[in-house]
Amino acid sequence: SPATVQGYEVIERNFGDFLDTPISLITCLSLQTAINDYAQSGEKD
């Protein structure tokens, strides 16, 4: 649905520099760290 696509695009815009990691180099630790950072980076801190 267009709403789901928009939601994905918002995530892609807001997730941060981790998205520039080659997928072959992504590990459980690096992804967990990125998820933790994303969880703490909402609006107005």
Full PDB file with SEQRES, HELIX, SHEET, SSBOND, CRYST1, ORIGX, SCALE, CONECT and MASTER records, all heavy atoms in Angstrom:
SEQRES   1 A   45  SER PRO ALA THR VAL GLN GLY TYR GLU VAL ILE GLU ARG          
SEQRES   2 A   45  ASN PHE GLY ASP PHE LEU ASP THR PRO ILE SER LEU ILE          
SEQRES   3 A   45  THR CYS LEU SER LEU GLN THR ALA ILE ASN ASP TYR ALA          
SEQRES   4 A   45  GLN SER GLY GLU LYS ASP                                      
HELIX    1 AA1 PRO A    2  ASN A   14  1                                  13    
HELIX    2 AA2 ASP A   17  ASP A   20  5                                   4    
HELIX    3 AA3 ILE A   23  LEU A   25  5                                   3    
HELIX    4 AA4 CYS A   28  ALA A   39  1                                  12    
CRYST1    1.000    1.000    1.000  90.00  90.00  90.00 P 1           1          
ORIGX1      1.000000  0.000000  0.000000        0.00000                         
ORIGX2      0.000000  1.000000  0.000000        0.00000                         
ORIGX3      0.000000  0.000000  1.000000        0.00000                         
SCALE1      1.000000  0.000000  0.000000        0.00000                         
SCALE2      0.000000  1.000000  0.000000        0.00000                         
SCALE3      0.000000  0.000000  1.000000        0.00000                         
ATOM      1  N   SER A   1       0.842  -1.195   0.000  1.00  0.00           N  
ATOM      2  CA  SER A   1       0.000   0.000   0.000  1.00  0.00           C  
ATOM      3  C   SER A   1       0.879   1.247   0.000  1.00  0.00           C  
ATOM      4  O   SER A   1       2.017   1.226   0.487  1.00  0.00           O  
ATOM      5  CB  SER A   1      -0.898   0.016   1.236  1.00  0.00           C  
ATOM      6  OG  SER A   1      -0.140   0.288   2.401  1.00  0.00           O  
ATOM      7  N   PRO A   2       0.370   2.378  -0.525  1.00  0.00           N  
ATOM      8  CA  PRO A   2       1.151   3.622  -0.513  1.00  0.00           C  
ATOM      9  C   PRO A   2       1.572   4.030   0.891  1.00  0.00           C  
ATOM     10  O   PRO A   2       2.663   4.562   1.078  1.00  0.00           O  
ATOM     11  CB  PRO A   2       0.184   4.637  -1.135  1.00  0.00           C  
ATOM     12  CG  PRO A   2      -0.733   3.821  -1.991  1.00  0.00           C  
ATOM     13  CD  PRO A   2      -0.903   2.529  -1.255  1.00  0.00           C  
ATOM     14  N   ALA A   3       0.728   3.769   1.888  1.00  0.00           N  
ATOM     15  CA  ALA A   3       1.069   4.130   3.260  1.00  0.00           C  
ATOM     16  C   ALA A   3       2.246   3.307   3.766  1.00  0.00           C  
ATOM     17  O   ALA A   3       3.130   3.825   4.462  1.00  0.00           O  
ATOM     18  CB  ALA A   3      -0.137   3.926   4.172  1.00  0.00           C  
ATOM     19  N   THR A   4       2.291   2.017   3.416  1.00  0.00           N  
ATOM     20  CA  THR A   4       3.408   1.166   3.835  1.00  0.00           C  
ATOM     21  C   THR A   4       4.696   1.625   3.164  1.00  0.00           C  
ATOM     22  O   THR A   4       5.753   1.709   3.800  1.00  0.00           O  
ATOM     23  CB  THR A   4       3.121  -0.300   3.483  1.00  0.00           C  
ATOM     24  OG1 THR A   4       1.934  -0.728   4.156  1.00  0.00           O  
ATOM     25  CG2 THR A   4       4.285  -1.195   3.891  1.00  0.00           C  
ATOM     26  N   VAL A   5       4.610   1.932   1.873  1.00  0.00           N  
ATOM     27  CA  VAL A   5       5.788   2.422   1.151  1.00  0.00           C  
ATOM     28  C   VAL A   5       6.295   3.716   1.776  1.00  0.00           C  
ATOM     29  O   VAL A   5       7.502   3.897   1.984  1.00  0.00           O  
ATOM     30  CB  VAL A   5       5.457   2.635  -0.345  1.00  0.00           C  
ATOM     31  CG1 VAL A   5       6.599   3.362  -1.049  1.00  0.00           C  
ATOM     32  CG2 VAL A   5       5.194   1.295  -1.018  1.00  0.00           C  
ATOM     33  N   GLN A   6       5.380   4.624   2.097  1.00  0.00           N  
ATOM     34  CA  GLN A   6       5.786   5.878   2.731  1.00  0.00           C  
ATOM     35  C   GLN A   6       6.479   5.614   4.061  1.00  0.00           C  
ATOM     36  O   GLN A   6       7.490   6.243   4.391  1.00  0.00           O  
ATOM     37  CB  GLN A   6       4.578   6.782   2.952  1.00  0.00           C  
ATOM     38  CG  GLN A   6       4.972   8.146   3.549  1.00  0.00           C  
ATOM     39  CD  GLN A   6       3.798   8.902   4.118  1.00  0.00           C  
ATOM     40  OE1 GLN A   6       2.892   8.297   4.715  1.00  0.00           O  
ATOM     41  NE2 GLN A   6       3.777  10.205   3.941  1.00  0.00           N  
ATOM     42  N   GLY A   7       5.947   4.664   4.836  1.00  0.00           N  
ATOM     43  CA  GLY A   7       6.565   4.320   6.113  1.00  0.00           C  
ATOM     44  C   GLY A   7       7.982   3.812   5.936  1.00  0.00           C  
ATOM     45  O   GLY A   7       8.888   4.174   6.699  1.00  0.00           O  
ATOM     46  N   TYR A   8       8.198   2.979   4.917  1.00  0.00           N  
ATOM     47  CA  TYR A   8       9.545   2.482   4.634  1.00  0.00           C  
ATOM     48  C   TYR A   8      10.480   3.624   4.227  1.00  0.00           C  
ATOM     49  O   TYR A   8      11.647   3.666   4.641  1.00  0.00           O  
ATOM     50  CB  TYR A   8       9.497   1.441   3.513  1.00  0.00           C  
ATOM     51  CG  TYR A   8       8.909   0.111   3.922  1.00  0.00           C  
ATOM     52  CD1 TYR A   8       8.518  -0.819   2.963  1.00  0.00           C  
ATOM     53  CD2 TYR A   8       8.739  -0.224   5.262  1.00  0.00           C  
ATOM     54  CE1 TYR A   8       7.988  -2.049   3.327  1.00  0.00           C  
ATOM     55  CE2 TYR A   8       8.206  -1.452   5.632  1.00  0.00           C  
ATOM     56  CZ  TYR A   8       7.828  -2.358   4.659  1.00  0.00           C  
ATOM     57  OH  TYR A   8       7.309  -3.573   5.022  1.00  0.00           O  
ATOM     58  N   GLU A   9       9.969   4.539   3.412  1.00  0.00           N  
ATOM     59  CA  GLU A   9      10.798   5.662   2.972  1.00  0.00           C  
ATOM     60  C   GLU A   9      11.182   6.567   4.146  1.00  0.00           C  
ATOM     61  O   GLU A   9      12.290   7.107   4.188  1.00  0.00           O  
ATOM     62  CB  GLU A   9      10.072   6.446   1.885  1.00  0.00           C  
ATOM     63  CG  GLU A   9       9.942   5.675   0.576  1.00  0.00           C  
ATOM     64  CD  GLU A   9       9.061   6.369  -0.449  1.00  0.00           C  
ATOM     65  OE1 GLU A   9       8.228   7.213  -0.045  1.00  0.00           O  
ATOM     66  OE2 GLU A   9       9.208   6.075  -1.644  1.00  0.00           O  
ATOM     67  N   VAL A  10      10.282   6.733   5.103  1.00  0.00           N  
ATOM     68  CA  VAL A  10      10.590   7.536   6.293  1.00  0.00           C  
ATOM     69  C   VAL A  10      11.692   6.867   7.104  1.00  0.00           C  
ATOM     70  O   VAL A  10      12.622   7.533   7.587  1.00  0.00           O  
ATOM     71  CB  VAL A  10       9.321   7.730   7.151  1.00  0.00           C  
ATOM     72  CG1 VAL A  10       9.678   8.320   8.512  1.00  0.00           C  
ATOM     73  CG2 VAL A  10       8.327   8.634   6.434  1.00  0.00           C  
ATOM     74  N   ILE A  11      11.616   5.551   7.252  1.00  0.00           N  
ATOM     75  CA  ILE A  11      12.667   4.821   7.973  1.00  0.00           C  
ATOM     76  C   ILE A  11      14.002   4.989   7.266  1.00  0.00           C  
ATOM     77  O   ILE A  11      15.040   5.245   7.895  1.00  0.00           O  
ATOM     78  CB  ILE A  11      12.301   3.332   8.097  1.00  0.00           C  
ATOM     79  CG1 ILE A  11      11.064   3.157   8.994  1.00  0.00           C  
ATOM     80  CG2 ILE A  11      13.470   2.524   8.648  1.00  0.00           C  
ATOM     81  CD1 ILE A  11      10.478   1.765   8.974  1.00  0.00           C  
ATOM     82  N   GLU A  12      13.987   4.872   5.936  1.00  0.00           N  
ATOM     83  CA  GLU A  12      15.226   4.979   5.151  1.00  0.00           C  
ATOM     84  C   GLU A  12      15.837   6.375   5.296  1.00  0.00           C  
ATOM     85  O   GLU A  12      17.055   6.530   5.343  1.00  0.00           O  
ATOM     86  CB  GLU A  12      14.929   4.652   3.683  1.00  0.00           C  
ATOM     87  CG  GLU A  12      16.179   4.517   2.820  1.00  0.00           C  
ATOM     88  CD  GLU A  12      16.417   5.763   1.989  1.00  0.00           C  
ATOM     89  OE1 GLU A  12      15.447   6.299   1.428  1.00  0.00           O  
ATOM     90  OE2 GLU A  12      17.575   6.194   1.927  1.00  0.00           O  
ATOM     91  N   ARG A  13      15.013   7.392   5.412  1.00  0.00           N  
ATOM     92  CA  ARG A  13      15.524   8.762   5.554  1.00  0.00           C  
ATOM     93  C   ARG A  13      16.071   9.032   6.958  1.00  0.00           C  
ATOM     94  O   ARG A  13      17.000   9.819   7.118  1.00  0.00           O  
ATOM     95  CB  ARG A  13      14.427   9.788   5.240  1.00  0.00           C  
ATOM     96  CG  ARG A  13      14.074   9.906   3.770  1.00  0.00           C  
ATOM     97  CD  ARG A  13      13.333  11.193   3.502  1.00  0.00           C  
ATOM     98  NE  ARG A  13      12.098  11.298   4.268  1.00  0.00           N  
ATOM     99  CZ  ARG A  13      10.911  10.862   3.845  1.00  0.00           C  
ATOM    100  NH1 ARG A  13      10.803  10.290   2.649  1.00  0.00           N  
ATOM    101  NH2 ARG A  13       9.832  10.989   4.578  1.00  0.00           N  
ATOM    102  N   ASN A  14      15.475   8.375   7.958  1.00  0.00           N  
ATOM    103  CA  ASN A  14      15.769   8.748   9.343  1.00  0.00           C  
ATOM    104  C   ASN A  14      16.698   7.804  10.092  1.00  0.00           C  
ATOM    105  O   ASN A  14      17.096   8.110  11.224  1.00  0.00           O  
ATOM    106  CB  ASN A  14      14.463   8.882  10.144  1.00  0.00           C  
ATOM    107  CG  ASN A  14      13.575   9.993   9.626  1.00  0.00           C  
ATOM    108  OD1 ASN A  14      14.054  10.940   9.025  1.00  0.00           O  
ATOM    109  ND2 ASN A  14      12.282   9.879   9.850  1.00  0.00           N  
ATOM    110  N   PHE A  15      17.045   6.663   9.494  1.00  0.00           N  
ATOM    111  CA  PHE A  15      17.758   5.663  10.286  1.00  0.00           C  
ATOM    112  C   PHE A  15      19.204   6.062  10.566  1.00  0.00           C  
ATOM    113  O   PHE A  15      19.781   5.678  11.572  1.00  0.00           O  
ATOM    114  CB  PHE A  15      17.720   4.296   9.592  1.00  0.00           C  
ATOM    115  CG  PHE A  15      17.970   3.167  10.542  1.00  0.00           C  
ATOM    116  CD1 PHE A  15      16.926   2.609  11.261  1.00  0.00           C  
ATOM    117  CD2 PHE A  15      19.243   2.679  10.738  1.00  0.00           C  
ATOM    118  CE1 PHE A  15      17.147   1.585  12.159  1.00  0.00           C  
ATOM    119  CE2 PHE A  15      19.493   1.643  11.631  1.00  0.00           C  
ATOM    120  CZ  PHE A  15      18.431   1.093  12.344  1.00  0.00           C  
ATOM    121  N   GLY A  16      19.838   6.807   9.675  1.00  0.00           N  
ATOM    122  CA  GLY A  16      21.192   7.275   9.970  1.00  0.00           C  
ATOM    123  C   GLY A  16      22.262   6.672   9.087  1.00  0.00           C  
ATOM    124  O   GLY A  16      22.001   5.946   8.129  1.00  0.00           O  
ATOM    125  N   ASP A  17      23.508   6.965   9.442  1.00  0.00           N  
ATOM    126  CA  ASP A  17      24.654   6.591   8.611  1.00  0.00           C  
ATOM    127  C   ASP A  17      24.882   5.081   8.542  1.00  0.00           C  
ATOM    128  O   ASP A  17      25.589   4.609   7.643  1.00  0.00           O  
ATOM    129  CB  ASP A  17      25.930   7.260   9.142  1.00  0.00           C  
ATOM    130  CG  ASP A  17      25.878   8.779   8.989  1.00  0.00           C  
ATOM    131  OD1 ASP A  17      25.088   9.254   8.149  1.00  0.00           O  
ATOM    132  OD2 ASP A  17      26.613   9.473   9.721  1.00  0.00           O  
ATOM    133  N   PHE A  18      24.311   4.322   9.471  1.00  0.00           N  
ATOM    134  CA  PHE A  18      24.504   2.868   9.437  1.00  0.00           C  
ATOM    135  C   PHE A  18      24.026   2.276   8.112  1.00  0.00           C  
ATOM    136  O   PHE A  18      24.526   1.238   7.667  1.00  0.00           O  
ATOM    137  CB  PHE A  18      23.745   2.214  10.604  1.00  0.00           C  
ATOM    138  CG  PHE A  18      23.828   0.718  10.619  1.00  0.00           C  
ATOM    139  CD1 PHE A  18      24.985   0.073  11.029  1.00  0.00           C  
ATOM    140  CD2 PHE A  18      22.746  -0.061  10.204  1.00  0.00           C  
ATOM    141  CE1 PHE A  18      25.067  -1.313  11.041  1.00  0.00           C  
ATOM    142  CE2 PHE A  18      22.820  -1.437  10.211  1.00  0.00           C  
ATOM    143  CZ  PHE A  18      23.990  -2.073  10.628  1.00  0.00           C  
ATOM    144  N   LEU A  19      23.069   2.943   7.473  1.00  0.00           N  
ATOM    145  CA  LEU A  19      22.527   2.421   6.219  1.00  0.00           C  
ATOM    146  C   LEU A  19      23.565   2.441   5.099  1.00  0.00           C  
ATOM    147  O   LEU A  19      23.372   1.780   4.075  1.00  0.00           O  
ATOM    148  CB  LEU A  19      21.300   3.230   5.792  1.00  0.00           C  
ATOM    149  CG  LEU A  19      20.094   3.184   6.732  1.00  0.00           C  
ATOM    150  CD1 LEU A  19      18.906   3.876   6.085  1.00  0.00           C  
ATOM    151  CD2 LEU A  19      19.733   1.765   7.115  1.00  0.00           C  
ATOM    152  N   ASP A  20      24.658   3.142   5.285  1.00  0.00           N  
ATOM    153  CA  ASP A  20      25.701   3.170   4.263  1.00  0.00           C  
ATOM    154  C   ASP A  20      26.713   2.032   4.434  1.00  0.00           C  
ATOM    155  O   ASP A  20      27.713   1.965   3.720  1.00  0.00           O  
ATOM    156  CB  ASP A  20      26.436   4.518   4.305  1.00  0.00           C  
ATOM    157  CG  ASP A  20      25.497   5.668   3.941  1.00  0.00           C  
ATOM    158  OD1 ASP A  20      24.682   5.492   3.011  1.00  0.00           O  
ATOM    159  OD2 ASP A  20      25.558   6.721   4.606  1.00  0.00           O  
ATOM    160  N   THR A  21      26.426   1.110   5.362  1.00  0.00           N  
ATOM    161  CA  THR A  21      27.265  -0.065   5.567  1.00  0.00           C  
ATOM    162  C   THR A  21      26.982  -1.104   4.489  1.00  0.00           C  
ATOM    163  O   THR A  21      25.808  -1.407   4.228  1.00  0.00           O  
ATOM    164  CB  THR A  21      26.984  -0.693   6.944  1.00  0.00           C  
ATOM    165  OG1 THR A  21      27.126   0.287   7.964  1.00  0.00           O  
ATOM    166  CG2 THR A  21      27.916  -1.869   7.214  1.00  0.00           C  
ATOM    167  N   PRO A  22      27.993  -1.687   3.847  1.00  0.00           N  
ATOM    168  CA  PRO A  22      27.743  -2.798   2.912  1.00  0.00           C  
ATOM    169  C   PRO A  22      27.073  -3.954   3.658  1.00  0.00           C  
ATOM    170  O   PRO A  22      27.465  -4.280   4.786  1.00  0.00           O  
ATOM    171  CB  PRO A  22      29.147  -3.183   2.437  1.00  0.00           C  
ATOM    172  CG  PRO A  22      29.955  -1.940   2.632  1.00  0.00           C  
ATOM    173  CD  PRO A  22      29.414  -1.288   3.862  1.00  0.00           C  
ATOM    174  N   ILE A  23      26.090  -4.548   3.037  1.00  0.00           N  
ATOM    175  CA  ILE A  23      25.336  -5.580   3.753  1.00  0.00           C  
ATOM    176  C   ILE A  23      26.196  -6.780   4.099  1.00  0.00           C  
ATOM    177  O   ILE A  23      25.886  -7.523   5.036  1.00  0.00           O  
ATOM    178  CB  ILE A  23      24.088  -6.014   2.950  1.00  0.00           C  
ATOM    179  CG1 ILE A  23      24.465  -6.579   1.592  1.00  0.00           C  
ATOM    180  CG2 ILE A  23      23.111  -4.873   2.804  1.00  0.00           C  
ATOM    181  CD1 ILE A  23      23.267  -7.099   0.816  1.00  0.00           C  
ATOM    182  N   SER A  24      27.295  -6.977   3.368  1.00  0.00           N  
ATOM    183  CA  SER A  24      28.182  -8.098   3.671  1.00  0.00           C  
ATOM    184  C   SER A  24      28.931  -7.887   4.981  1.00  0.00           C  
ATOM    185  O   SER A  24      29.472  -8.836   5.560  1.00  0.00           O  
ATOM    186  CB  SER A  24      29.184  -8.303   2.537  1.00  0.00           C  
ATOM    187  OG  SER A  24      29.978  -7.143   2.363  1.00  0.00           O  
ATOM    188  N   LEU A  25      28.985  -6.634   5.471  1.00  0.00           N  
ATOM    189  CA  LEU A  25      29.731  -6.327   6.687  1.00  0.00           C  
ATOM    190  C   LEU A  25      28.831  -6.174   7.913  1.00  0.00           C  
ATOM    191  O   LEU A  25      29.327  -5.908   9.016  1.00  0.00           O  
ATOM    192  CB  LEU A  25      30.549  -5.043   6.492  1.00  0.00           C  
ATOM    193  CG  LEU A  25      31.580  -5.061   5.353  1.00  0.00           C  
ATOM    194  CD1 LEU A  25      32.323  -3.735   5.297  1.00  0.00           C  
ATOM    195  CD2 LEU A  25      32.552  -6.226   5.524  1.00  0.00           C  
ATOM    196  N   ILE A  26      27.534  -6.318   7.745  1.00  0.00           N  
ATOM    197  CA  ILE A  26      26.614  -6.155   8.864  1.00  0.00           C  
ATOM    198  C   ILE A  26      26.675  -7.389   9.759  1.00  0.00           C  
ATOM    199  O   ILE A  26      26.575  -8.525   9.295  1.00  0.00           O  
ATOM    200  CB  ILE A  26      25.180  -5.920   8.365  1.00  0.00           C  
ATOM    201  CG1 ILE A  26      25.085  -4.588   7.612  1.00  0.00           C  
ATOM    202  CG2 ILE A  26      24.193  -5.906   9.540  1.00  0.00           C  
ATOM    203  CD1 ILE A  26      23.729  -4.325   6.991  1.00  0.00           C  
ATOM    204  N   THR A  27      26.848  -7.155  11.051  1.00  0.00           N  
ATOM    205  CA  THR A  27      26.876  -8.234  12.030  1.00  0.00           C  
ATOM    206  C   THR A  27      25.744  -8.041  13.025  1.00  0.00           C  
ATOM    207  O   THR A  27      25.103  -6.976  13.066  1.00  0.00           O  
ATOM    208  CB  THR A  27      28.208  -8.246  12.788  1.00  0.00           C  
ATOM    209  OG1 THR A  27      28.317  -7.029  13.562  1.00  0.00           O  
ATOM    210  CG2 THR A  27      29.389  -8.342  11.826  1.00  0.00           C  
ATOM    211  N   CYS A  28      25.532  -9.059  13.842  1.00  0.00           N  
ATOM    212  CA  CYS A  28      24.499  -8.953  14.877  1.00  0.00           C  
ATOM    213  C   CYS A  28      24.803  -7.786  15.810  1.00  0.00           C  
ATOM    214  O   CYS A  28      23.913  -7.015  16.176  1.00  0.00           O  
ATOM    215  CB  CYS A  28      24.411 -10.271  15.648  1.00  0.00           C  
ATOM    216  SG  CYS A  28      23.153 -10.262  16.954  1.00  0.00           S  
ATOM    217  N   LEU A  29      26.074  -7.633  16.190  1.00  0.00           N  
ATOM    218  CA  LEU A  29      26.461  -6.561  17.104  1.00  0.00           C  
ATOM    219  C   LEU A  29      26.257  -5.188  16.474  1.00  0.00           C  
ATOM    220  O   LEU A  29      25.709  -4.277  17.105  1.00  0.00           O  
ATOM    221  CB  LEU A  29      27.927  -6.730  17.522  1.00  0.00           C  
ATOM    222  CG  LEU A  29      28.490  -5.639  18.444  1.00  0.00           C  
ATOM    223  CD1 LEU A  29      27.692  -5.559  19.734  1.00  0.00           C  
ATOM    224  CD2 LEU A  29      29.967  -5.891  18.732  1.00  0.00           C  
ATOM    225  N   SER A  30      26.696  -5.026  15.221  1.00  0.00           N  
ATOM    226  CA  SER A  30      26.563  -3.707  14.586  1.00  0.00           C  
ATOM    227  C   SER A  30      25.104  -3.350  14.355  1.00  0.00           C  
ATOM    228  O   SER A  30      24.701  -2.189  14.536  1.00  0.00           O  
ATOM    229  CB  SER A  30      27.337  -3.665  13.265  1.00  0.00           C  
ATOM    230  OG  SER A  30      26.770  -4.547  12.298  1.00  0.00           O  
ATOM    231  N   LEU A  31      24.281  -4.330  13.985  1.00  0.00           N  
ATOM    232  CA  LEU A  31      22.859  -4.055  13.771  1.00  0.00           C  
ATOM    233  C   LEU A  31      22.174  -3.752  15.098  1.00  0.00           C  
ATOM    234  O   LEU A  31      21.336  -2.849  15.174  1.00  0.00           O  
ATOM    235  CB  LEU A  31      22.193  -5.243  13.086  1.00  0.00           C  
ATOM    236  CG  LEU A  31      20.688  -5.109  12.799  1.00  0.00           C  
ATOM    237  CD1 LEU A  31      20.392  -3.848  11.998  1.00  0.00           C  
ATOM    238  CD2 LEU A  31      20.166  -6.331  12.058  1.00  0.00           C  
ATOM    239  N   GLN A  32      22.524  -4.503  16.156  1.00  0.00           N  
ATOM    240  CA  GLN A  32      21.933  -4.228  17.465  1.00  0.00           C  
ATOM    241  C   GLN A  32      22.273  -2.819  17.935  1.00  0.00           C  
ATOM    242  O   GLN A  32      21.410  -2.097  18.446  1.00  0.00           O  
ATOM    243  CB  GLN A  32      22.430  -5.248  18.484  1.00  0.00           C  
ATOM    244  CG  GLN A  32      21.837  -5.070  19.884  1.00  0.00           C  
ATOM    245  CD  GLN A  32      20.362  -5.414  19.926  1.00  0.00           C  
ATOM    246  OE1 GLN A  32      19.973  -6.571  19.813  1.00  0.00           O  
ATOM    247  NE2 GLN A  32      19.515  -4.404  20.105  1.00  0.00           N  
ATOM    248  N   THR A  33      23.530  -2.409  17.738  1.00  0.00           N  
ATOM    249  CA  THR A  33      23.948  -1.053  18.124  1.00  0.00           C  
ATOM    250  C   THR A  33      23.169   0.006  17.345  1.00  0.00           C  
ATOM    251  O   THR A  33      22.733   1.020  17.903  1.00  0.00           O  
ATOM    252  CB  THR A  33      25.456  -0.876  17.885  1.00  0.00           C  
ATOM    253  OG1 THR A  33      26.178  -1.869  18.624  1.00  0.00           O  
ATOM    254  CG2 THR A  33      25.915   0.513  18.309  1.00  0.00           C  
ATOM    255  N   ALA A  34      22.974  -0.234  16.051  1.00  0.00           N  
ATOM    256  CA  ALA A  34      22.232   0.720  15.211  1.00  0.00           C  
ATOM    257  C   ALA A  34      20.768   0.801  15.646  1.00  0.00           C  
ATOM    258  O   ALA A  34      20.179   1.889  15.684  1.00  0.00           O  
ATOM    259  CB  ALA A  34      22.328   0.311  13.747  1.00  0.00           C  
ATOM    260  N   ILE A  35      20.183  -0.345  15.990  1.00  0.00           N  
ATOM    261  CA  ILE A  35      18.793  -0.359  16.468  1.00  0.00           C  
ATOM    262  C   ILE A  35      18.686   0.417  17.778  1.00  0.00           C  
ATOM    263  O   ILE A  35      17.740   1.199  17.985  1.00  0.00           O  
ATOM    264  CB  ILE A  35      18.305  -1.812  16.665  1.00  0.00           C  
ATOM    265  CG1 ILE A  35      18.160  -2.522  15.310  1.00  0.00           C  
ATOM    266  CG2 ILE A  35      16.985  -1.845  17.432  1.00  0.00           C  
ATOM    267  CD1 ILE A  35      17.031  -2.021  14.453  1.00  0.00           C  
ATOM    268  N   ASN A  36      19.662   0.229  18.668  1.00  0.00           N  
ATOM    269  CA  ASN A  36      19.652   0.950  19.944  1.00  0.00           C  
ATOM    270  C   ASN A  36      19.734   2.456  19.720  1.00  0.00           C  
ATOM    271  O   ASN A  36      19.024   3.240  20.359  1.00  0.00           O  
ATOM    272  CB  ASN A  36      20.828   0.496  20.817  1.00  0.00           C  
ATOM    273  CG  ASN A  36      20.716  -0.956  21.221  1.00  0.00           C  
ATOM    274  OD1 ASN A  36      19.670  -1.576  21.075  1.00  0.00           O  
ATOM    275  ND2 ASN A  36      21.811  -1.514  21.728  1.00  0.00           N  
ATOM    276  N   ASP A  37      20.620   2.873  18.802  1.00  0.00           N  
ATOM    277  CA  ASP A  37      20.773   4.307  18.504  1.00  0.00           C  
ATOM    278  C   ASP A  37      19.481   4.866  17.912  1.00  0.00           C  
ATOM    279  O   ASP A  37      19.065   5.982  18.257  1.00  0.00           O  
ATOM    280  CB  ASP A  37      21.936   4.526  17.532  1.00  0.00           C  
ATOM    281  CG  ASP A  37      23.286   4.234  18.164  1.00  0.00           C  
ATOM    282  OD1 ASP A  37      23.360   4.194  19.408  1.00  0.00           O  
ATOM    283  OD2 ASP A  37      24.264   4.036  17.405  1.00  0.00           O  
ATOM    284  N   TYR A  38      18.870   4.117  17.012  1.00  0.00           N  
ATOM    285  CA  TYR A  38      17.616   4.562  16.392  1.00  0.00           C  
ATOM    286  C   TYR A  38      16.523   4.719  17.440  1.00  0.00           C  
ATOM    287  O   TYR A  38      15.731   5.665  17.393  1.00  0.00           O  
ATOM    288  CB  TYR A  38      17.200   3.560  15.324  1.00  0.00           C  
ATOM    289  CG  TYR A  38      15.938   3.932  14.570  1.00  0.00           C  
ATOM    290  CD1 TYR A  38      15.936   4.947  13.614  1.00  0.00           C  
ATOM    291  CD2 TYR A  38      14.735   3.255  14.809  1.00  0.00           C  
ATOM    292  CE1 TYR A  38      14.777   5.287  12.928  1.00  0.00           C  
ATOM    293  CE2 TYR A  38      13.574   3.584  14.119  1.00  0.00           C  
ATOM    294  CZ  TYR A  38      13.606   4.598  13.188  1.00  0.00           C  
ATOM    295  OH  TYR A  38      12.447   4.934  12.514  1.00  0.00           O  
ATOM    296  N   ALA A  39      16.487   3.798  18.391  1.00  0.00           N  
ATOM    297  CA  ALA A  39      15.455   3.842  19.432  1.00  0.00           C  
ATOM    298  C   ALA A  39      15.563   5.105  20.281  1.00  0.00           C  
ATOM    299  O   ALA A  39      14.555   5.621  20.776  1.00  0.00           O  
ATOM    300  CB  ALA A  39      15.548   2.608  20.319  1.00  0.00           C  
ATOM    301  N   GLN A  40      16.779   5.619  20.444  1.00  0.00           N  
ATOM    302  CA  GLN A  40      16.987   6.793  21.303  1.00  0.00           C  
ATOM    303  C   GLN A  40      16.970   8.116  20.548  1.00  0.00           C  
ATOM    304  O   GLN A  40      17.131   9.175  21.157  1.00  0.00           O  
ATOM    305  CB  GLN A  40      18.330   6.647  22.034  1.00  0.00           C  
ATOM    306  CG  GLN A  40      18.409   5.452  22.964  1.00  0.00           C  
ATOM    307  CD  GLN A  40      17.333   5.486  24.034  1.00  0.00           C  
ATOM    308  OE1 GLN A  40      17.055   6.544  24.613  1.00  0.00           O  
ATOM    309  NE2 GLN A  40      16.716   4.341  24.302  1.00  0.00           N  
ATOM    310  N   SER A  41      16.766   8.084  19.230  1.00  0.00           N  
ATOM    311  CA  SER A  41      16.909   9.299  18.423  1.00  0.00           C  
ATOM    312  C   SER A  41      15.586   9.817  17.891  1.00  0.00           C  
ATOM    313  O   SER A  41      15.485  10.213  16.736  1.00  0.00           O  
ATOM    314  CB  SER A  41      17.856   9.031  17.244  1.00  0.00           C  
ATOM    315  OG  SER A  41      17.332   8.005  16.410  1.00  0.00           O  
ATOM    316  N   GLY A  42      14.579   9.838  18.762  1.00  0.00           N  
ATOM    317  CA  GLY A  42      13.280  10.352  18.338  1.00  0.00           C  
ATOM    318  C   GLY A  42      13.269  11.873  18.282  1.00  0.00           C  
ATOM    319  O   GLY A  42      14.288  12.544  18.501  1.00  0.00           O  
ATOM    320  N   GLU A  43      12.105  12.426  18.004  1.00  0.00           N  
ATOM    321  CA  GLU A  43      11.978  13.884  17.921  1.00  0.00           C  
ATOM    322  C   GLU A  43      12.167  14.518  19.294  1.00  0.00           C  
ATOM    323  O   GLU A  43      11.773  13.960  20.318  1.00  0.00           O  
ATOM    324  CB  GLU A  43      10.607  14.262  17.349  1.00  0.00           C  
ATOM    325  CG  GLU A  43      10.410  13.838  15.892  1.00  0.00           C  
ATOM    326  CD  GLU A  43       9.069  14.275  15.352  1.00  0.00           C  
ATOM    327  OE1 GLU A  43       8.305  14.908  16.109  1.00  0.00           O  
ATOM    328  OE2 GLU A  43       8.787  13.981  14.182  1.00  0.00           O  
ATOM    329  N   LYS A  44      12.791  15.673  19.314  1.00  0.00           N  
ATOM    330  CA  LYS A  44      13.044  16.443  20.540  1.00  0.00           C  
ATOM    331  C   LYS A  44      13.796  15.601  21.567  1.00  0.00           C  
ATOM    332  O   LYS A  44      13.538  15.683  22.785  1.00  0.00           O  
ATOM    333  CB  LYS A  44      11.724  16.955  21.127  1.00  0.00           C  
ATOM    334  CG  LYS A  44      10.969  17.898  20.197  1.00  0.00           C  
ATOM    335  CD  LYS A  44       9.679  18.383  20.823  1.00  0.00           C  
ATOM    336  CE  LYS A  44       8.940  19.325  19.867  1.00  0.00           C  
ATOM    337  NZ  LYS A  44       7.649  19.795  20.437  1.00  0.00           N  
ATOM    338  N   ASP A  45      14.732  14.756  21.052  1.00  0.00           N  
ATOM    339  CA  ASP A  45      15.599  13.937  21.905  1.00  0.00           C  
ATOM    340  C   ASP A  45      14.826  12.965  22.788  1.00  0.00           C  
ATOM    341  O   ASP A  45      15.324  12.541  23.839  1.00  0.00           O  
ATOM    342  CB  ASP A  45      16.482  14.832  22.791  1.00  0.00           C  
ATOM    343  CG  ASP A  45      17.440  15.675  21.957  1.00  0.00           C  
ATOM    344  OD1 ASP A  45      17.901  15.177  20.910  1.00  0.00           O  
ATOM    345  OD2 ASP A  45      17.706  16.829  22.353  1.00  0.00           O  
TER     346      ASP A  45                                                      
MASTER        0    0    0    4    0    0    0    6  345    1    0    4          
END                                                                             
